[in-house]
Amino acid sequence: MRNANSCGHRCDRPGTAAPGLRRISNRGAAVLDAKYKIEKDADSPDAIYQLLAYCTALGLPAGHVVYAGTSTEACHTYTLTTGTTITFHPLDLTADLHILRRQINEIASDMANGPSM
């Protein structure tokens, strides 16, 4: 994975935030944005639009949002009319370290496998 800020792409207008990570492999690519606050409505239209903008600017088929959530929350995936897939991953920061690592590995696996069509 590469830090998207060092990849040389402009994802939004100059001076705006860039996504946290961009993954490129021989199986495809995806972008990840981390939300550093507890999101009541993590899958808000604003978050979907922001990831769609990143995916469009980078020419990527999938985007992922990771946010502070709870262990009872489920992962949500949206396939937009553009064909872009946006997945929201809750990360339970109150969990034991081994569970937190498992959650991170599951997110990395989802990114590595690409969107399921």
PDB file of N, CA and C in Angstrom:
ATOM      1  N   MET A   1       0.835  -1.168   0.000  1.00  0.00           N
ATOM      2  CA  MET A   1       0.000   0.000   0.000  1.00  0.00           C
ATOM      3  C   MET A   1       0.883   1.236   0.000  1.00  0.00           C
ATOM      4  N   ARG A   2       0.382   2.269  -0.604  1.00  0.00           N
ATOM      5  CA  ARG A   2       1.093   3.532  -0.643  1.00  0.00           C
ATOM      6  C   ARG A   2       0.263   4.585   0.046  1.00  0.00           C
ATOM      7  N   ASN A   3       0.925   5.551   0.651  1.00  0.00           N
ATOM      8  CA  ASN A   3       0.260   6.705   1.183  1.00  0.00           C
ATOM      9  C   ASN A   3      -0.200   7.524  -0.007  1.00  0.00           C
ATOM     10  N   ALA A   4      -1.482   7.818  -0.090  1.00  0.00           N
ATOM     11  CA  ALA A   4      -2.021   8.525  -1.257  1.00  0.00           C
ATOM     12  C   ALA A   4      -1.463   9.929  -1.385  1.00  0.00           C
ATOM     13  N   ASN A   5      -1.028  10.528  -0.285  1.00  0.00           N
ATOM     14  CA  ASN A   5      -0.493  11.878  -0.355  1.00  0.00           C
ATOM     15  C   ASN A   5       0.823  11.921  -1.105  1.00  0.00           C
ATOM     16  N   SER A   6       1.506  10.794  -1.227  1.00  0.00           N
ATOM     17  CA  SER A   6       2.790  10.772  -1.913  1.00  0.00           C
ATOM     18  C   SER A   6       2.689  10.198  -3.317  1.00  0.00           C
ATOM     19  N   CYS A   7       1.472   9.930  -3.787  1.00  0.00           N
ATOM     20  CA  CYS A   7       1.324   9.271  -5.080  1.00  0.00           C
ATOM     21  C   CYS A   7       1.274  10.247  -6.243  1.00  0.00           C
ATOM     22  N   GLY A   8       1.234  11.557  -5.973  1.00  0.00           N
ATOM     23  CA  GLY A   8       1.268  12.533  -7.037  1.00  0.00           C
ATOM     24  C   GLY A   8      -0.065  12.808  -7.699  1.00  0.00           C
ATOM     25  N   HIS A   9      -1.174  12.309  -7.157  1.00  0.00           N
ATOM     26  CA  HIS A   9      -2.494  12.549  -7.731  1.00  0.00           C
ATOM     27  C   HIS A   9      -3.226  13.603  -6.924  1.00  0.00           C
ATOM     28  N   ARG A  10      -3.995  14.430  -7.602  1.00  0.00           N
ATOM     29  CA  ARG A  10      -4.898  15.368  -6.939  1.00  0.00           C
ATOM     30  C   ARG A  10      -6.252  14.694  -6.890  1.00  0.00           C
ATOM     31  N   CYS A  11      -6.787  14.485  -5.695  1.00  0.00           N
ATOM     32  CA  CYS A  11      -8.057  13.782  -5.565  1.00  0.00           C
ATOM     33  C   CYS A  11      -9.242  14.738  -5.495  1.00  0.00           C
ATOM     34  N   ASP A  12      -9.013  15.927  -5.076  1.00  0.00           N
ATOM     35  CA  ASP A  12     -10.043  16.955  -4.999  1.00  0.00           C
ATOM     36  C   ASP A  12      -9.433  18.249  -5.506  1.00  0.00           C
ATOM     37  N   ARG A  13     -10.090  19.328  -5.208  1.00  0.00           N
ATOM     38  CA  ARG A  13      -9.534  20.633  -5.562  1.00  0.00           C
ATOM     39  C   ARG A  13      -8.251  20.859  -4.794  1.00  0.00           C
ATOM     40  N   PRO A  14      -7.339  21.701  -5.299  1.00  0.00           N
ATOM     41  CA  PRO A  14      -6.099  21.997  -4.577  1.00  0.00           C
ATOM     42  C   PRO A  14      -6.405  22.483  -3.163  1.00  0.00           C
ATOM     43  N   GLY A  15      -5.605  22.002  -2.223  1.00  0.00           N
ATOM     44  CA  GLY A  15      -5.761  22.415  -0.842  1.00  0.00           C
ATOM     45  C   GLY A  15      -6.733  21.589  -0.029  1.00  0.00           C
ATOM     46  N   THR A  16      -7.361  20.585  -0.622  1.00  0.00           N
ATOM     47  CA  THR A  16      -8.294  19.753   0.128  1.00  0.00           C
ATOM     48  C   THR A  16      -7.623  18.436   0.501  1.00  0.00           C
ATOM     49  N   ALA A  17      -8.263  17.707   1.391  1.00  0.00           N
ATOM     50  CA  ALA A  17      -7.693  16.466   1.911  1.00  0.00           C
ATOM     51  C   ALA A  17      -7.621  15.381   0.848  1.00  0.00           C
ATOM     52  N   ALA A  18      -6.640  14.534   0.999  1.00  0.00           N
ATOM     53  CA  ALA A  18      -6.482  13.367   0.131  1.00  0.00           C
ATOM     54  C   ALA A  18      -6.809  12.120   0.943  1.00  0.00           C
ATOM     55  N   PRO A  19      -7.118  11.007   0.276  1.00  0.00           N
ATOM     56  CA  PRO A  19      -7.412   9.775   1.015  1.00  0.00           C
ATOM     57  C   PRO A  19      -6.191   9.279   1.769  1.00  0.00           C
ATOM     58  N   GLY A  20      -6.429   8.426   2.759  1.00  0.00           N
ATOM     59  CA  GLY A  20      -5.338   7.915   3.582  1.00  0.00           C
ATOM     60  C   GLY A  20      -4.430   6.946   2.867  1.00  0.00           C
ATOM     61  N   LEU A  21      -4.984   6.003   2.124  1.00  0.00           N
ATOM     62  CA  LEU A  21      -4.198   4.984   1.442  1.00  0.00           C
ATOM     63  C   LEU A  21      -4.741   4.720   0.055  1.00  0.00           C
ATOM     64  N   ARG A  22      -3.842   4.314  -0.805  1.00  0.00           N
ATOM     65  CA  ARG A  22      -4.231   3.856  -2.140  1.00  0.00           C
ATOM     66  C   ARG A  22      -3.532   2.527  -2.345  1.00  0.00           C
ATOM     67  N   ARG A  23      -4.280   1.474  -2.709  1.00  0.00           N
ATOM     68  CA  ARG A  23      -3.707   0.152  -2.894  1.00  0.00           C
ATOM     69  C   ARG A  23      -3.649  -0.158  -4.378  1.00  0.00           C
ATOM     70  N   ILE A  24      -2.486  -0.593  -4.810  1.00  0.00           N
ATOM     71  CA  ILE A  24      -2.312  -1.005  -6.197  1.00  0.00           C
ATOM     72  C   ILE A  24      -1.646  -2.373  -6.197  1.00  0.00           C
ATOM     73  N   SER A  25      -2.216  -3.303  -6.937  1.00  0.00           N
ATOM     74  CA  SER A  25      -1.602  -4.618  -7.082  1.00  0.00           C
ATOM     75  C   SER A  25      -1.938  -5.129  -8.473  1.00  0.00           C
ATOM     76  N   ASN A  26      -1.455  -6.312  -8.785  1.00  0.00           N
ATOM     77  CA  ASN A  26      -1.756  -6.882 -10.092  1.00  0.00           C
ATOM     78  C   ASN A  26      -3.220  -7.311 -10.201  1.00  0.00           C
ATOM     79  N   ARG A  27      -3.949  -7.311  -9.076  1.00  0.00           N
ATOM     80  CA  ARG A  27      -5.371  -7.688  -9.096  1.00  0.00           C
ATOM     81  C   ARG A  27      -6.298  -6.480  -9.118  1.00  0.00           C
ATOM     82  N   GLY A  28      -5.750  -5.275  -9.085  1.00  0.00           N
ATOM     83  CA  GLY A  28      -6.604  -4.092  -9.110  1.00  0.00           C
ATOM     84  C   GLY A  28      -6.130  -3.059  -8.120  1.00  0.00           C
ATOM     85  N   ALA A  29      -6.994  -2.108  -7.836  1.00  0.00           N
ATOM     86  CA  ALA A  29      -6.629  -1.009  -6.962  1.00  0.00           C
ATOM     87  C   ALA A  29      -7.844  -0.539  -6.181  1.00  0.00           C
ATOM     88  N   ALA A  30      -7.596   0.102  -5.057  1.00  0.00           N
ATOM     89  CA  ALA A  30      -8.658   0.662  -4.227  1.00  0.00           C
ATOM     90  C   ALA A  30      -8.077   1.817  -3.424  1.00  0.00           C
ATOM     91  N   VAL A  31      -8.951   2.624  -2.875  1.00  0.00           N
ATOM     92  CA  VAL A  31      -8.549   3.749  -2.046  1.00  0.00           C
ATOM     93  C   VAL A  31      -9.251   3.614  -0.695  1.00  0.00           C
ATOM     94  N   LEU A  32      -8.562   4.042   0.382  1.00  0.00           N
ATOM     95  CA  LEU A  32      -9.104   3.961   1.740  1.00  0.00           C
ATOM     96  C   LEU A  32      -9.044   5.330   2.379  1.00  0.00           C
ATOM     97  N   ASP A  33     -10.111   5.704   3.061  1.00  0.00           N
ATOM     98  CA  ASP A  33     -10.153   6.952   3.811  1.00  0.00           C
ATOM     99  C   ASP A  33     -10.515   6.607   5.246  1.00  0.00           C
ATOM    100  N   ALA A  34      -9.732   7.090   6.188  1.00  0.00           N
ATOM    101  CA  ALA A  34      -9.986   6.833   7.612  1.00  0.00           C
ATOM    102  C   ALA A  34     -10.648   8.055   8.222  1.00  0.00           C
ATOM    103  N   LYS A  35     -11.702   7.824   8.975  1.00  0.00           N
ATOM    104  CA  LYS A  35     -12.394   8.888   9.691  1.00  0.00           C
ATOM    105  C   LYS A  35     -11.932   8.827  11.133  1.00  0.00           C
ATOM    106  N   TYR A  36     -11.356   9.904  11.611  1.00  0.00           N
ATOM    107  CA  TYR A  36     -10.759   9.934  12.940  1.00  0.00           C
ATOM    108  C   TYR A  36     -11.717  10.481  13.989  1.00  0.00           C
ATOM    109  N   LYS A  37     -12.970  10.107  13.891  1.00  0.00           N
ATOM    110  CA  LYS A  37     -13.972  10.468  14.877  1.00  0.00           C
ATOM    111  C   LYS A  37     -15.047   9.400  14.839  1.00  0.00           C
ATOM    112  N   ILE A  38     -15.827   9.327  15.892  1.00  0.00           N
ATOM    113  CA  ILE A  38     -16.924   8.367  15.911  1.00  0.00           C
ATOM    114  C   ILE A  38     -18.005   8.895  14.974  1.00  0.00           C
ATOM    115  N   GLU A  39     -18.398   8.067  14.051  1.00  0.00           N
ATOM    116  CA  GLU A  39     -19.366   8.466  13.030  1.00  0.00           C
ATOM    117  C   GLU A  39     -20.725   7.864  13.352  1.00  0.00           C
ATOM    118  N   LYS A  40     -21.684   8.710  13.673  1.00  0.00           N
ATOM    119  CA  LYS A  40     -23.045   8.217  13.902  1.00  0.00           C
ATOM    120  C   LYS A  40     -23.619   7.688  12.596  1.00  0.00           C
ATOM    121  N   ASP A  41     -23.437   8.457  11.542  1.00  0.00           N
ATOM    122  CA  ASP A  41     -23.891   8.061  10.216  1.00  0.00           C
ATOM    123  C   ASP A  41     -22.683   8.031   9.292  1.00  0.00           C
ATOM    124  N   ALA A  42     -21.820   7.045   9.484  1.00  0.00           N
ATOM    125  CA  ALA A  42     -20.574   6.971   8.714  1.00  0.00           C
ATOM    126  C   ALA A  42     -20.837   6.906   7.224  1.00  0.00           C
ATOM    127  N   ASP A  43     -21.927   6.250   6.839  1.00  0.00           N
ATOM    128  CA  ASP A  43     -22.223   6.124   5.416  1.00  0.00           C
ATOM    129  C   ASP A  43     -23.144   7.244   4.942  1.00  0.00           C
ATOM    130  N   SER A  44     -22.826   8.458   5.362  1.00  0.00           N
ATOM    131  CA  SER A  44     -23.598   9.630   4.958  1.00  0.00           C
ATOM    132  C   SER A  44     -23.364   9.928   3.478  1.00  0.00           C
ATOM    133  N   PRO A  45     -24.277  10.662   2.865  1.00  0.00           N
ATOM    134  CA  PRO A  45     -24.065  11.047   1.456  1.00  0.00           C
ATOM    135  C   PRO A  45     -22.753  11.798   1.242  1.00  0.00           C
ATOM    136  N   ASP A  46     -22.343  12.625   2.214  1.00  0.00           N
ATOM    137  CA  ASP A  46     -21.074  13.348   2.084  1.00  0.00           C
ATOM    138  C   ASP A  46     -19.889  12.395   2.000  1.00  0.00           C
ATOM    139  N   ALA A  47     -19.883  11.363   2.844  1.00  0.00           N
ATOM    140  CA  ALA A  47     -18.784  10.393   2.833  1.00  0.00           C
ATOM    141  C   ALA A  47     -18.772   9.594   1.535  1.00  0.00           C
ATOM    142  N   ILE A  48     -19.952   9.223   1.052  1.00  0.00           N
ATOM    143  CA  ILE A  48     -20.044   8.481  -0.210  1.00  0.00           C
ATOM    144  C   ILE A  48     -19.541   9.353  -1.354  1.00  0.00           C
ATOM    145  N   TYR A  49     -19.968  10.614  -1.383  1.00  0.00           N
ATOM    146  CA  TYR A  49     -19.531  11.532  -2.437  1.00  0.00           C
ATOM    147  C   TYR A  49     -18.013  11.731  -2.400  1.00  0.00           C
ATOM    148  N   GLN A  50     -17.458  11.884  -1.196  1.00  0.00           N
ATOM    149  CA  GLN A  50     -16.010  12.091  -1.064  1.00  0.00           C
ATOM    150  C   GLN A  50     -15.241  10.896  -1.629  1.00  0.00           C
ATOM    151  N   LEU A  51     -15.661   9.678  -1.281  1.00  0.00           N
ATOM    152  CA  LEU A  51     -14.967   8.490  -1.801  1.00  0.00           C
ATOM    153  C   LEU A  51     -15.177   8.330  -3.292  1.00  0.00           C
ATOM    154  N   LEU A  52     -16.364   8.662  -3.783  1.00  0.00           N
ATOM    155  CA  LEU A  52     -16.605   8.612  -5.215  1.00  0.00           C
ATOM    156  C   LEU A  52     -15.676   9.587  -5.940  1.00  0.00           C
ATOM    157  N   ALA A  53     -15.473  10.762  -5.372  1.00  0.00           N
ATOM    158  CA  ALA A  53     -14.559  11.737  -5.973  1.00  0.00           C
ATOM    159  C   ALA A  53     -13.138  11.187  -6.009  1.00  0.00           C
ATOM    160  N   TYR A  54     -12.680  10.563  -4.923  1.00  0.00           N
ATOM    161  CA  TYR A  54     -11.337   9.963  -4.901  1.00  0.00           C
ATOM    162  C   TYR A  54     -11.220   8.875  -5.964  1.00  0.00           C
ATOM    163  N   CYS A  55     -12.208   7.983  -6.005  1.00  0.00           N
ATOM    164  CA  CYS A  55     -12.173   6.877  -6.964  1.00  0.00           C
ATOM    165  C   CYS A  55     -12.178   7.389  -8.399  1.00  0.00           C
ATOM    166  N   THR A  56     -13.010   8.380  -8.670  1.00  0.00           N
ATOM    167  CA  THR A  56     -13.093   8.940 -10.014  1.00  0.00           C
ATOM    168  C   THR A  56     -11.776   9.608 -10.402  1.00  0.00           C
ATOM    169  N   ALA A  57     -11.224  10.423  -9.506  1.00  0.00           N
ATOM    170  CA  ALA A  57      -9.975  11.134  -9.800  1.00  0.00           C
ATOM    171  C   ALA A  57      -8.817  10.170 -10.028  1.00  0.00           C
ATOM    172  N   LEU A  58      -8.806   9.053  -9.299  1.00  0.00           N
ATOM    173  CA  LEU A  58      -7.711   8.086  -9.410  1.00  0.00           C
ATOM    174  C   LEU A  58      -8.024   6.969 -10.405  1.00  0.00           C
ATOM    175  N   GLY A  59      -9.228   6.956 -10.958  1.00  0.00           N
ATOM    176  CA  GLY A  59      -9.615   5.910 -11.907  1.00  0.00           C
ATOM    177  C   GLY A  59      -9.725   4.544 -11.256  1.00  0.00           C
ATOM    178  N   LEU A  60     -10.220   4.499 -10.021  1.00  0.00           N
ATOM    179  CA  LEU A  60     -10.284   3.244  -9.267  1.00  0.00           C
ATOM    180  C   LEU A  60     -11.722   2.729  -9.160  1.00  0.00           C
ATOM    181  N   PRO A  61     -11.895   1.410  -9.137  1.00  0.00           N
ATOM    182  CA  PRO A  61     -13.238   0.830  -9.086  1.00  0.00           C
ATOM    183  C   PRO A  61     -13.831   0.729  -7.685  1.00  0.00           C
ATOM    184  N   ALA A  62     -13.010   0.939  -6.640  1.00  0.00           N
ATOM    185  CA  ALA A  62     -13.506   0.710  -5.283  1.00  0.00           C
ATOM    186  C   ALA A  62     -12.878   1.677  -4.295  1.00  0.00           C
ATOM    187  N   GLY A  63     -13.668   2.003  -3.284  1.00  0.00           N
ATOM    188  CA  GLY A  63     -13.202   2.837  -2.192  1.00  0.00           C
ATOM    189  C   GLY A  63     -13.671   2.260  -0.874  1.00  0.00           C
ATOM    190  N   HIS A  64     -12.907   2.532   0.174  1.00  0.00           N
ATOM    191  CA  HIS A  64     -13.220   2.011   1.504  1.00  0.00           C
ATOM    192  C   HIS A  64     -13.107   3.138   2.522  1.00  0.00           C
ATOM    193  N   VAL A  65     -14.034   3.149   3.488  1.00  0.00           N
ATOM    194  CA  VAL A  65     -13.991   4.083   4.606  1.00  0.00           C
ATOM    195  C   VAL A  65     -13.867   3.254   5.873  1.00  0.00           C
ATOM    196  N   VAL A  66     -12.898   3.597   6.720  1.00  0.00           N
ATOM    197  CA  VAL A  66     -12.747   2.964   8.024  1.00  0.00           C
ATOM    198  C   VAL A  66     -13.083   4.030   9.057  1.00  0.00           C
ATOM    199  N   TYR A  67     -13.928   3.676  10.020  1.00  0.00           N
ATOM    200  CA  TYR A  67     -14.337   4.639  11.035  1.00  0.00           C
ATOM    201  C   TYR A  67     -14.453   3.943  12.386  1.00  0.00           C
ATOM    202  N   ALA A  68     -14.385   4.733  13.455  1.00  0.00           N
ATOM    203  CA  ALA A  68     -14.527   4.206  14.810  1.00  0.00           C
ATOM    204  C   ALA A  68     -15.972   3.786  14.998  1.00  0.00           C
ATOM    205  N   GLY A  69     -16.169   2.505  15.201  1.00  0.00           N
ATOM    206  CA  GLY A  69     -17.518   1.967  15.364  1.00  0.00           C
ATOM    207  C   GLY A  69     -17.564   1.033  16.552  1.00  0.00           C
ATOM    208  N   THR A  70     -18.502   0.120  16.515  1.00  0.00           N
ATOM    209  CA  THR A  70     -18.644  -0.867  17.580  1.00  0.00           C
ATOM    210  C   THR A  70     -18.639  -2.263  16.983  1.00  0.00           C
ATOM    211  N   SER A  71     -18.485  -3.238  17.849  1.00  0.00           N
ATOM    212  CA  SER A  71     -18.442  -4.626  17.386  1.00  0.00           C
ATOM    213  C   SER A  71     -19.805  -5.099  16.889  1.00  0.00           C
ATOM    214  N   THR A  72     -20.866  -4.362  17.211  1.00  0.00           N
ATOM    215  CA  THR A  72     -22.206  -4.774  16.780  1.00  0.00           C
ATOM    216  C   THR A  72     -22.574  -4.213  15.403  1.00  0.00           C
ATOM    217  N   GLU A  73     -21.747  -3.322  14.877  1.00  0.00           N
ATOM    218  CA  GLU A  73     -22.045  -2.733  13.572  1.00  0.00           C
ATOM    219  C   GLU A  73     -21.575  -3.651  12.455  1.00  0.00           C
ATOM    220  N   ALA A  74     -22.313  -3.632  11.381  1.00  0.00           N
ATOM    221  CA  ALA A  74     -21.965  -4.443  10.211  1.00  0.00           C
ATOM    222  C   ALA A  74     -21.304  -3.556   9.163  1.00  0.00           C
ATOM    223  N   CYS A  75     -20.540  -4.193   8.321  1.00  0.00           N
ATOM    224  CA  CYS A  75     -19.921  -3.529   7.181  1.00  0.00           C
ATOM    225  C   CYS A  75     -21.019  -3.253   6.150  1.00  0.00           C
ATOM    226  N   HIS A  76     -21.004  -2.062   5.550  1.00  0.00           N
ATOM    227  CA  HIS A  76     -21.991  -1.712   4.526  1.00  0.00           C
ATOM    228  C   HIS A  76     -21.283  -1.461   3.210  1.00  0.00           C
ATOM    229  N   THR A  77     -21.830  -2.001   2.126  1.00  0.00           N
ATOM    230  CA  THR A  77     -21.267  -1.792   0.793  1.00  0.00           C
ATOM    231  C   THR A  77     -22.333  -1.230  -0.122  1.00  0.00           C
ATOM    232  N   TYR A  78     -21.939  -0.226  -0.873  1.00  0.00           N
ATOM    233  CA  TYR A  78     -22.824   0.402  -1.857  1.00  0.00           C
ATOM    234  C   TYR A  78     -22.182   0.280  -3.222  1.00  0.00           C
ATOM    235  N   THR A  79     -22.950  -0.132  -4.216  1.00  0.00           N
ATOM    236  CA  THR A  79     -22.498  -0.101  -5.604  1.00  0.00           C
ATOM    237  C   THR A  79     -23.271   1.021  -6.268  1.00  0.00           C
ATOM    238  N   LEU A  80     -22.548   2.042  -6.692  1.00  0.00           N
ATOM    239  CA  LEU A  80     -23.161   3.232  -7.265  1.00  0.00           C
ATOM    240  C   LEU A  80     -23.477   3.017  -8.739  1.00  0.00           C
ATOM    241  N   THR A  81     -24.274   3.889  -9.300  1.00  0.00           N
ATOM    242  CA  THR A  81     -24.645   3.767 -10.710  1.00  0.00           C
ATOM    243  C   THR A  81     -23.437   3.892 -11.627  1.00  0.00           C
ATOM    244  N   THR A  82     -22.344   4.456 -11.123  1.00  0.00           N
ATOM    245  CA  THR A  82     -21.112   4.567 -11.905  1.00  0.00           C
ATOM    246  C   THR A  82     -20.377   3.238 -11.979  1.00  0.00           C
ATOM    247  N   GLY A  83     -20.810   2.250 -11.158  1.00  0.00           N
ATOM    248  CA  GLY A  83     -20.104   0.979 -11.068  1.00  0.00           C
ATOM    249  C   GLY A  83     -19.083   0.964  -9.950  1.00  0.00           C
ATOM    250  N   THR A  84     -18.845   2.108  -9.330  1.00  0.00           N
ATOM    251  CA  THR A  84     -17.896   2.210  -8.218  1.00  0.00           C
ATOM    252  C   THR A  84     -18.504   1.577  -6.967  1.00  0.00           C
ATOM    253  N   THR A  85     -17.691   0.820  -6.246  1.00  0.00           N
ATOM    254  CA  THR A  85     -18.125   0.185  -5.007  1.00  0.00           C
ATOM    255  C   THR A  85     -17.500   0.918  -3.831  1.00  0.00           C
ATOM    256  N   ILE A  86     -18.328   1.327  -2.864  1.00  0.00           N
ATOM    257  CA  ILE A  86     -17.870   2.015  -1.655  1.00  0.00           C
ATOM    258  C   ILE A  86     -18.256   1.134  -0.467  1.00  0.00           C
ATOM    259  N   THR A  87     -17.258   0.768   0.347  1.00  0.00           N
ATOM    260  CA  THR A  87     -17.505  -0.085   1.513  1.00  0.00           C
ATOM    261  C   THR A  87     -17.116   0.661   2.778  1.00  0.00           C
ATOM    262  N   PHE A  88     -17.988   0.607   3.775  1.00  0.00           N
ATOM    263  CA  PHE A  88     -17.760   1.238   5.075  1.00  0.00           C
ATOM    264  C   PHE A  88     -17.451   0.152   6.091  1.00  0.00           C
ATOM    265  N   HIS A  89     -16.304   0.297   6.772  1.00  0.00           N
ATOM    266  CA  HIS A  89     -15.831  -0.698   7.735  1.00  0.00           C
ATOM    267  C   HIS A  89     -15.772  -0.082   9.134  1.00  0.00           C
ATOM    268  N   PRO A  90     -16.607  -0.549  10.077  1.00  0.00           N
ATOM    269  CA  PRO A  90     -16.463  -0.080  11.455  1.00  0.00           C
ATOM    270  C   PRO A  90     -15.255  -0.760  12.106  1.00  0.00           C
ATOM    271  N   LEU A  91     -14.523  -0.012  12.875  1.00  0.00           N
ATOM    272  CA  LEU A  91     -13.367  -0.553  13.588  1.00  0.00           C
ATOM    273  C   LEU A  91     -13.607  -0.312  15.074  1.00  0.00           C
ATOM    274  N   ASP A  92     -13.750  -1.388  15.848  1.00  0.00           N
ATOM    275  CA  ASP A  92     -14.049  -1.280  17.273  1.00  0.00           C
ATOM    276  C   ASP A  92     -12.751  -1.008  18.037  1.00  0.00           C
ATOM    277  N   LEU A  93     -12.514   0.261  18.348  1.00  0.00           N
ATOM    278  CA  LEU A  93     -11.276   0.655  19.019  1.00  0.00           C
ATOM    279  C   LEU A  93     -11.252   0.289  20.498  1.00  0.00           C
ATOM    280  N   THR A  94     -12.385  -0.182  21.028  1.00  0.00           N
ATOM    281  CA  THR A  94     -12.421  -0.623  22.424  1.00  0.00           C
ATOM    282  C   THR A  94     -12.103  -2.111  22.558  1.00  0.00           C
ATOM    283  N   ALA A  95     -11.947  -2.797  21.451  1.00  0.00           N
ATOM    284  CA  ALA A  95     -11.712  -4.246  21.454  1.00  0.00           C
ATOM    285  C   ALA A  95     -10.290  -4.564  21.924  1.00  0.00           C
ATOM    286  N   ASP A  96     -10.108  -5.796  22.385  1.00  0.00           N
ATOM    287  CA  ASP A  96      -8.768  -6.267  22.721  1.00  0.00           C
ATOM    288  C   ASP A  96      -7.880  -6.201  21.485  1.00  0.00           C
ATOM    289  N   LEU A  97      -6.574  -6.097  21.732  1.00  0.00           N
ATOM    290  CA  LEU A  97      -5.625  -5.914  20.635  1.00  0.00           C
ATOM    291  C   LEU A  97      -5.715  -7.024  19.589  1.00  0.00           C
ATOM    292  N   HIS A  98      -5.860  -8.277  19.994  1.00  0.00           N
ATOM    293  CA  HIS A  98      -5.929  -9.372  19.014  1.00  0.00           C
ATOM    294  C   HIS A  98      -7.191  -9.270  18.144  1.00  0.00           C
ATOM    295  N   ILE A  99      -8.282  -8.775  18.706  1.00  0.00           N
ATOM    296  CA  ILE A  99      -9.510  -8.585  17.931  1.00  0.00           C
ATOM    297  C   ILE A  99      -9.354  -7.399  16.984  1.00  0.00           C
ATOM    298  N   LEU A 100      -8.723  -6.338  17.462  1.00  0.00           N
ATOM    299  CA  LEU A 100      -8.470  -5.173  16.618  1.00  0.00           C
ATOM    300  C   LEU A 100      -7.587  -5.549  15.428  1.00  0.00           C
ATOM    301  N   ARG A 101      -6.566  -6.346  15.677  1.00  0.00           N
ATOM    302  CA  ARG A 101      -5.705  -6.813  14.574  1.00  0.00           C
ATOM    303  C   ARG A 101      -6.498  -7.645  13.569  1.00  0.00           C
ATOM    304  N   ARG A 102      -7.391  -8.496  14.073  1.00  0.00           N
ATOM    305  CA  ARG A 102      -8.218  -9.304  13.174  1.00  0.00           C
ATOM    306  C   ARG A 102      -9.102  -8.415  12.307  1.00  0.00           C
ATOM    307  N   GLN A 103      -9.698  -7.386  12.912  1.00  0.00           N
ATOM    308  CA  GLN A 103     -10.540  -6.456  12.153  1.00  0.00           C
ATOM    309  C   GLN A 103      -9.725  -5.764  11.053  1.00  0.00           C
ATOM    310  N   ILE A 104      -8.518  -5.323  11.378  1.00  0.00           N
ATOM    311  CA  ILE A 104      -7.654  -4.648  10.404  1.00  0.00           C
ATOM    312  C   ILE A 104      -7.274  -5.612   9.285  1.00  0.00           C
ATOM    313  N   ASN A 105      -6.959  -6.849   9.641  1.00  0.00           N
ATOM    314  CA  ASN A 105      -6.624  -7.849   8.615  1.00  0.00           C
ATOM    315  C   ASN A 105      -7.815  -8.131   7.696  1.00  0.00           C
ATOM    316  N   GLU A 106      -9.026  -8.141   8.247  1.00  0.00           N
ATOM    317  CA  GLU A 106     -10.223  -8.357   7.429  1.00  0.00           C
ATOM    318  C   GLU A 106     -10.426  -7.202   6.446  1.00  0.00           C
ATOM    319  N   ILE A 107     -10.169  -5.973   6.889  1.00  0.00           N
ATOM    320  CA  ILE A 107     -10.293  -4.814   6.000  1.00  0.00           C
ATOM    321  C   ILE A 107      -9.249  -4.901   4.893  1.00  0.00           C
ATOM    322  N   ALA A 108      -8.009  -5.245   5.270  1.00  0.00           N
ATOM    323  CA  ALA A 108      -6.947  -5.385   4.275  1.00  0.00           C
ATOM    324  C   ALA A 108      -7.289  -6.487   3.266  1.00  0.00           C
ATOM    325  N   SER A 109      -7.882  -7.557   3.745  1.00  0.00           N
ATOM    326  CA  SER A 109      -8.279  -8.651   2.847  1.00  0.00           C
ATOM    327  C   SER A 109      -9.370  -8.194   1.888  1.00  0.00           C
ATOM    328  N   ASP A 110     -10.345  -7.436   2.398  1.00  0.00           N
ATOM    329  CA  ASP A 110     -11.400  -6.907   1.531  1.00  0.00           C
ATOM    330  C   ASP A 110     -10.803  -6.015   0.437  1.00  0.00           C
ATOM    331  N   MET A 111      -9.831  -5.192   0.808  1.00  0.00           N
ATOM    332  CA  MET A 111      -9.193  -4.313  -0.171  1.00  0.00           C
ATOM    333  C   MET A 111      -8.394  -5.134  -1.182  1.00  0.00           C
ATOM    334  N   ALA A 112      -7.704  -6.155  -0.710  1.00  0.00           N
ATOM    335  CA  ALA A 112      -6.878  -6.965  -1.601  1.00  0.00           C
ATOM    336  C   ALA A 112      -7.717  -7.760  -2.585  1.00  0.00           C
ATOM    337  N   ASN A 113      -8.903  -8.203  -2.154  1.00  0.00           N
ATOM    338  CA  ASN A 113      -9.753  -9.008  -3.021  1.00  0.00           C
ATOM    339  C   ASN A 113     -10.561  -8.185  -3.999  1.00  0.00           C
ATOM    340  N   GLY A 114     -10.643  -6.900  -3.773  1.00  0.00           N
ATOM    341  CA  GLY A 114     -11.383  -6.018  -4.685  1.00  0.00           C
ATOM    342  C   GLY A 114     -12.869  -6.170  -4.528  1.00  0.00           C
ATOM    343  N   PRO A 115     -13.622  -5.357  -5.279  1.00  0.00           N
ATOM    344  CA  PRO A 115     -15.079  -5.403  -5.159  1.00  0.00           C
ATOM    345  C   PRO A 115     -15.621  -6.722  -5.680  1.00  0.00           C
ATOM    346  N   SER A 116     -16.634  -7.219  -4.977  1.00  0.00           N
ATOM    347  CA  SER A 116     -17.284  -8.452  -5.438  1.00  0.00           C
ATOM    348  C   SER A 116     -18.445  -8.077  -6.328  1.00  0.00           C
ATOM    349  N   MET A 117     -18.418  -8.549  -7.534  1.00  0.00           N
ATOM    350  CA  MET A 117     -19.449  -8.197  -8.522  1.00  0.00           C
ATOM    351  C   MET A 117     -20.347  -9.391  -8.740  1.00  0.00           C
TER     352      MET A 117
END
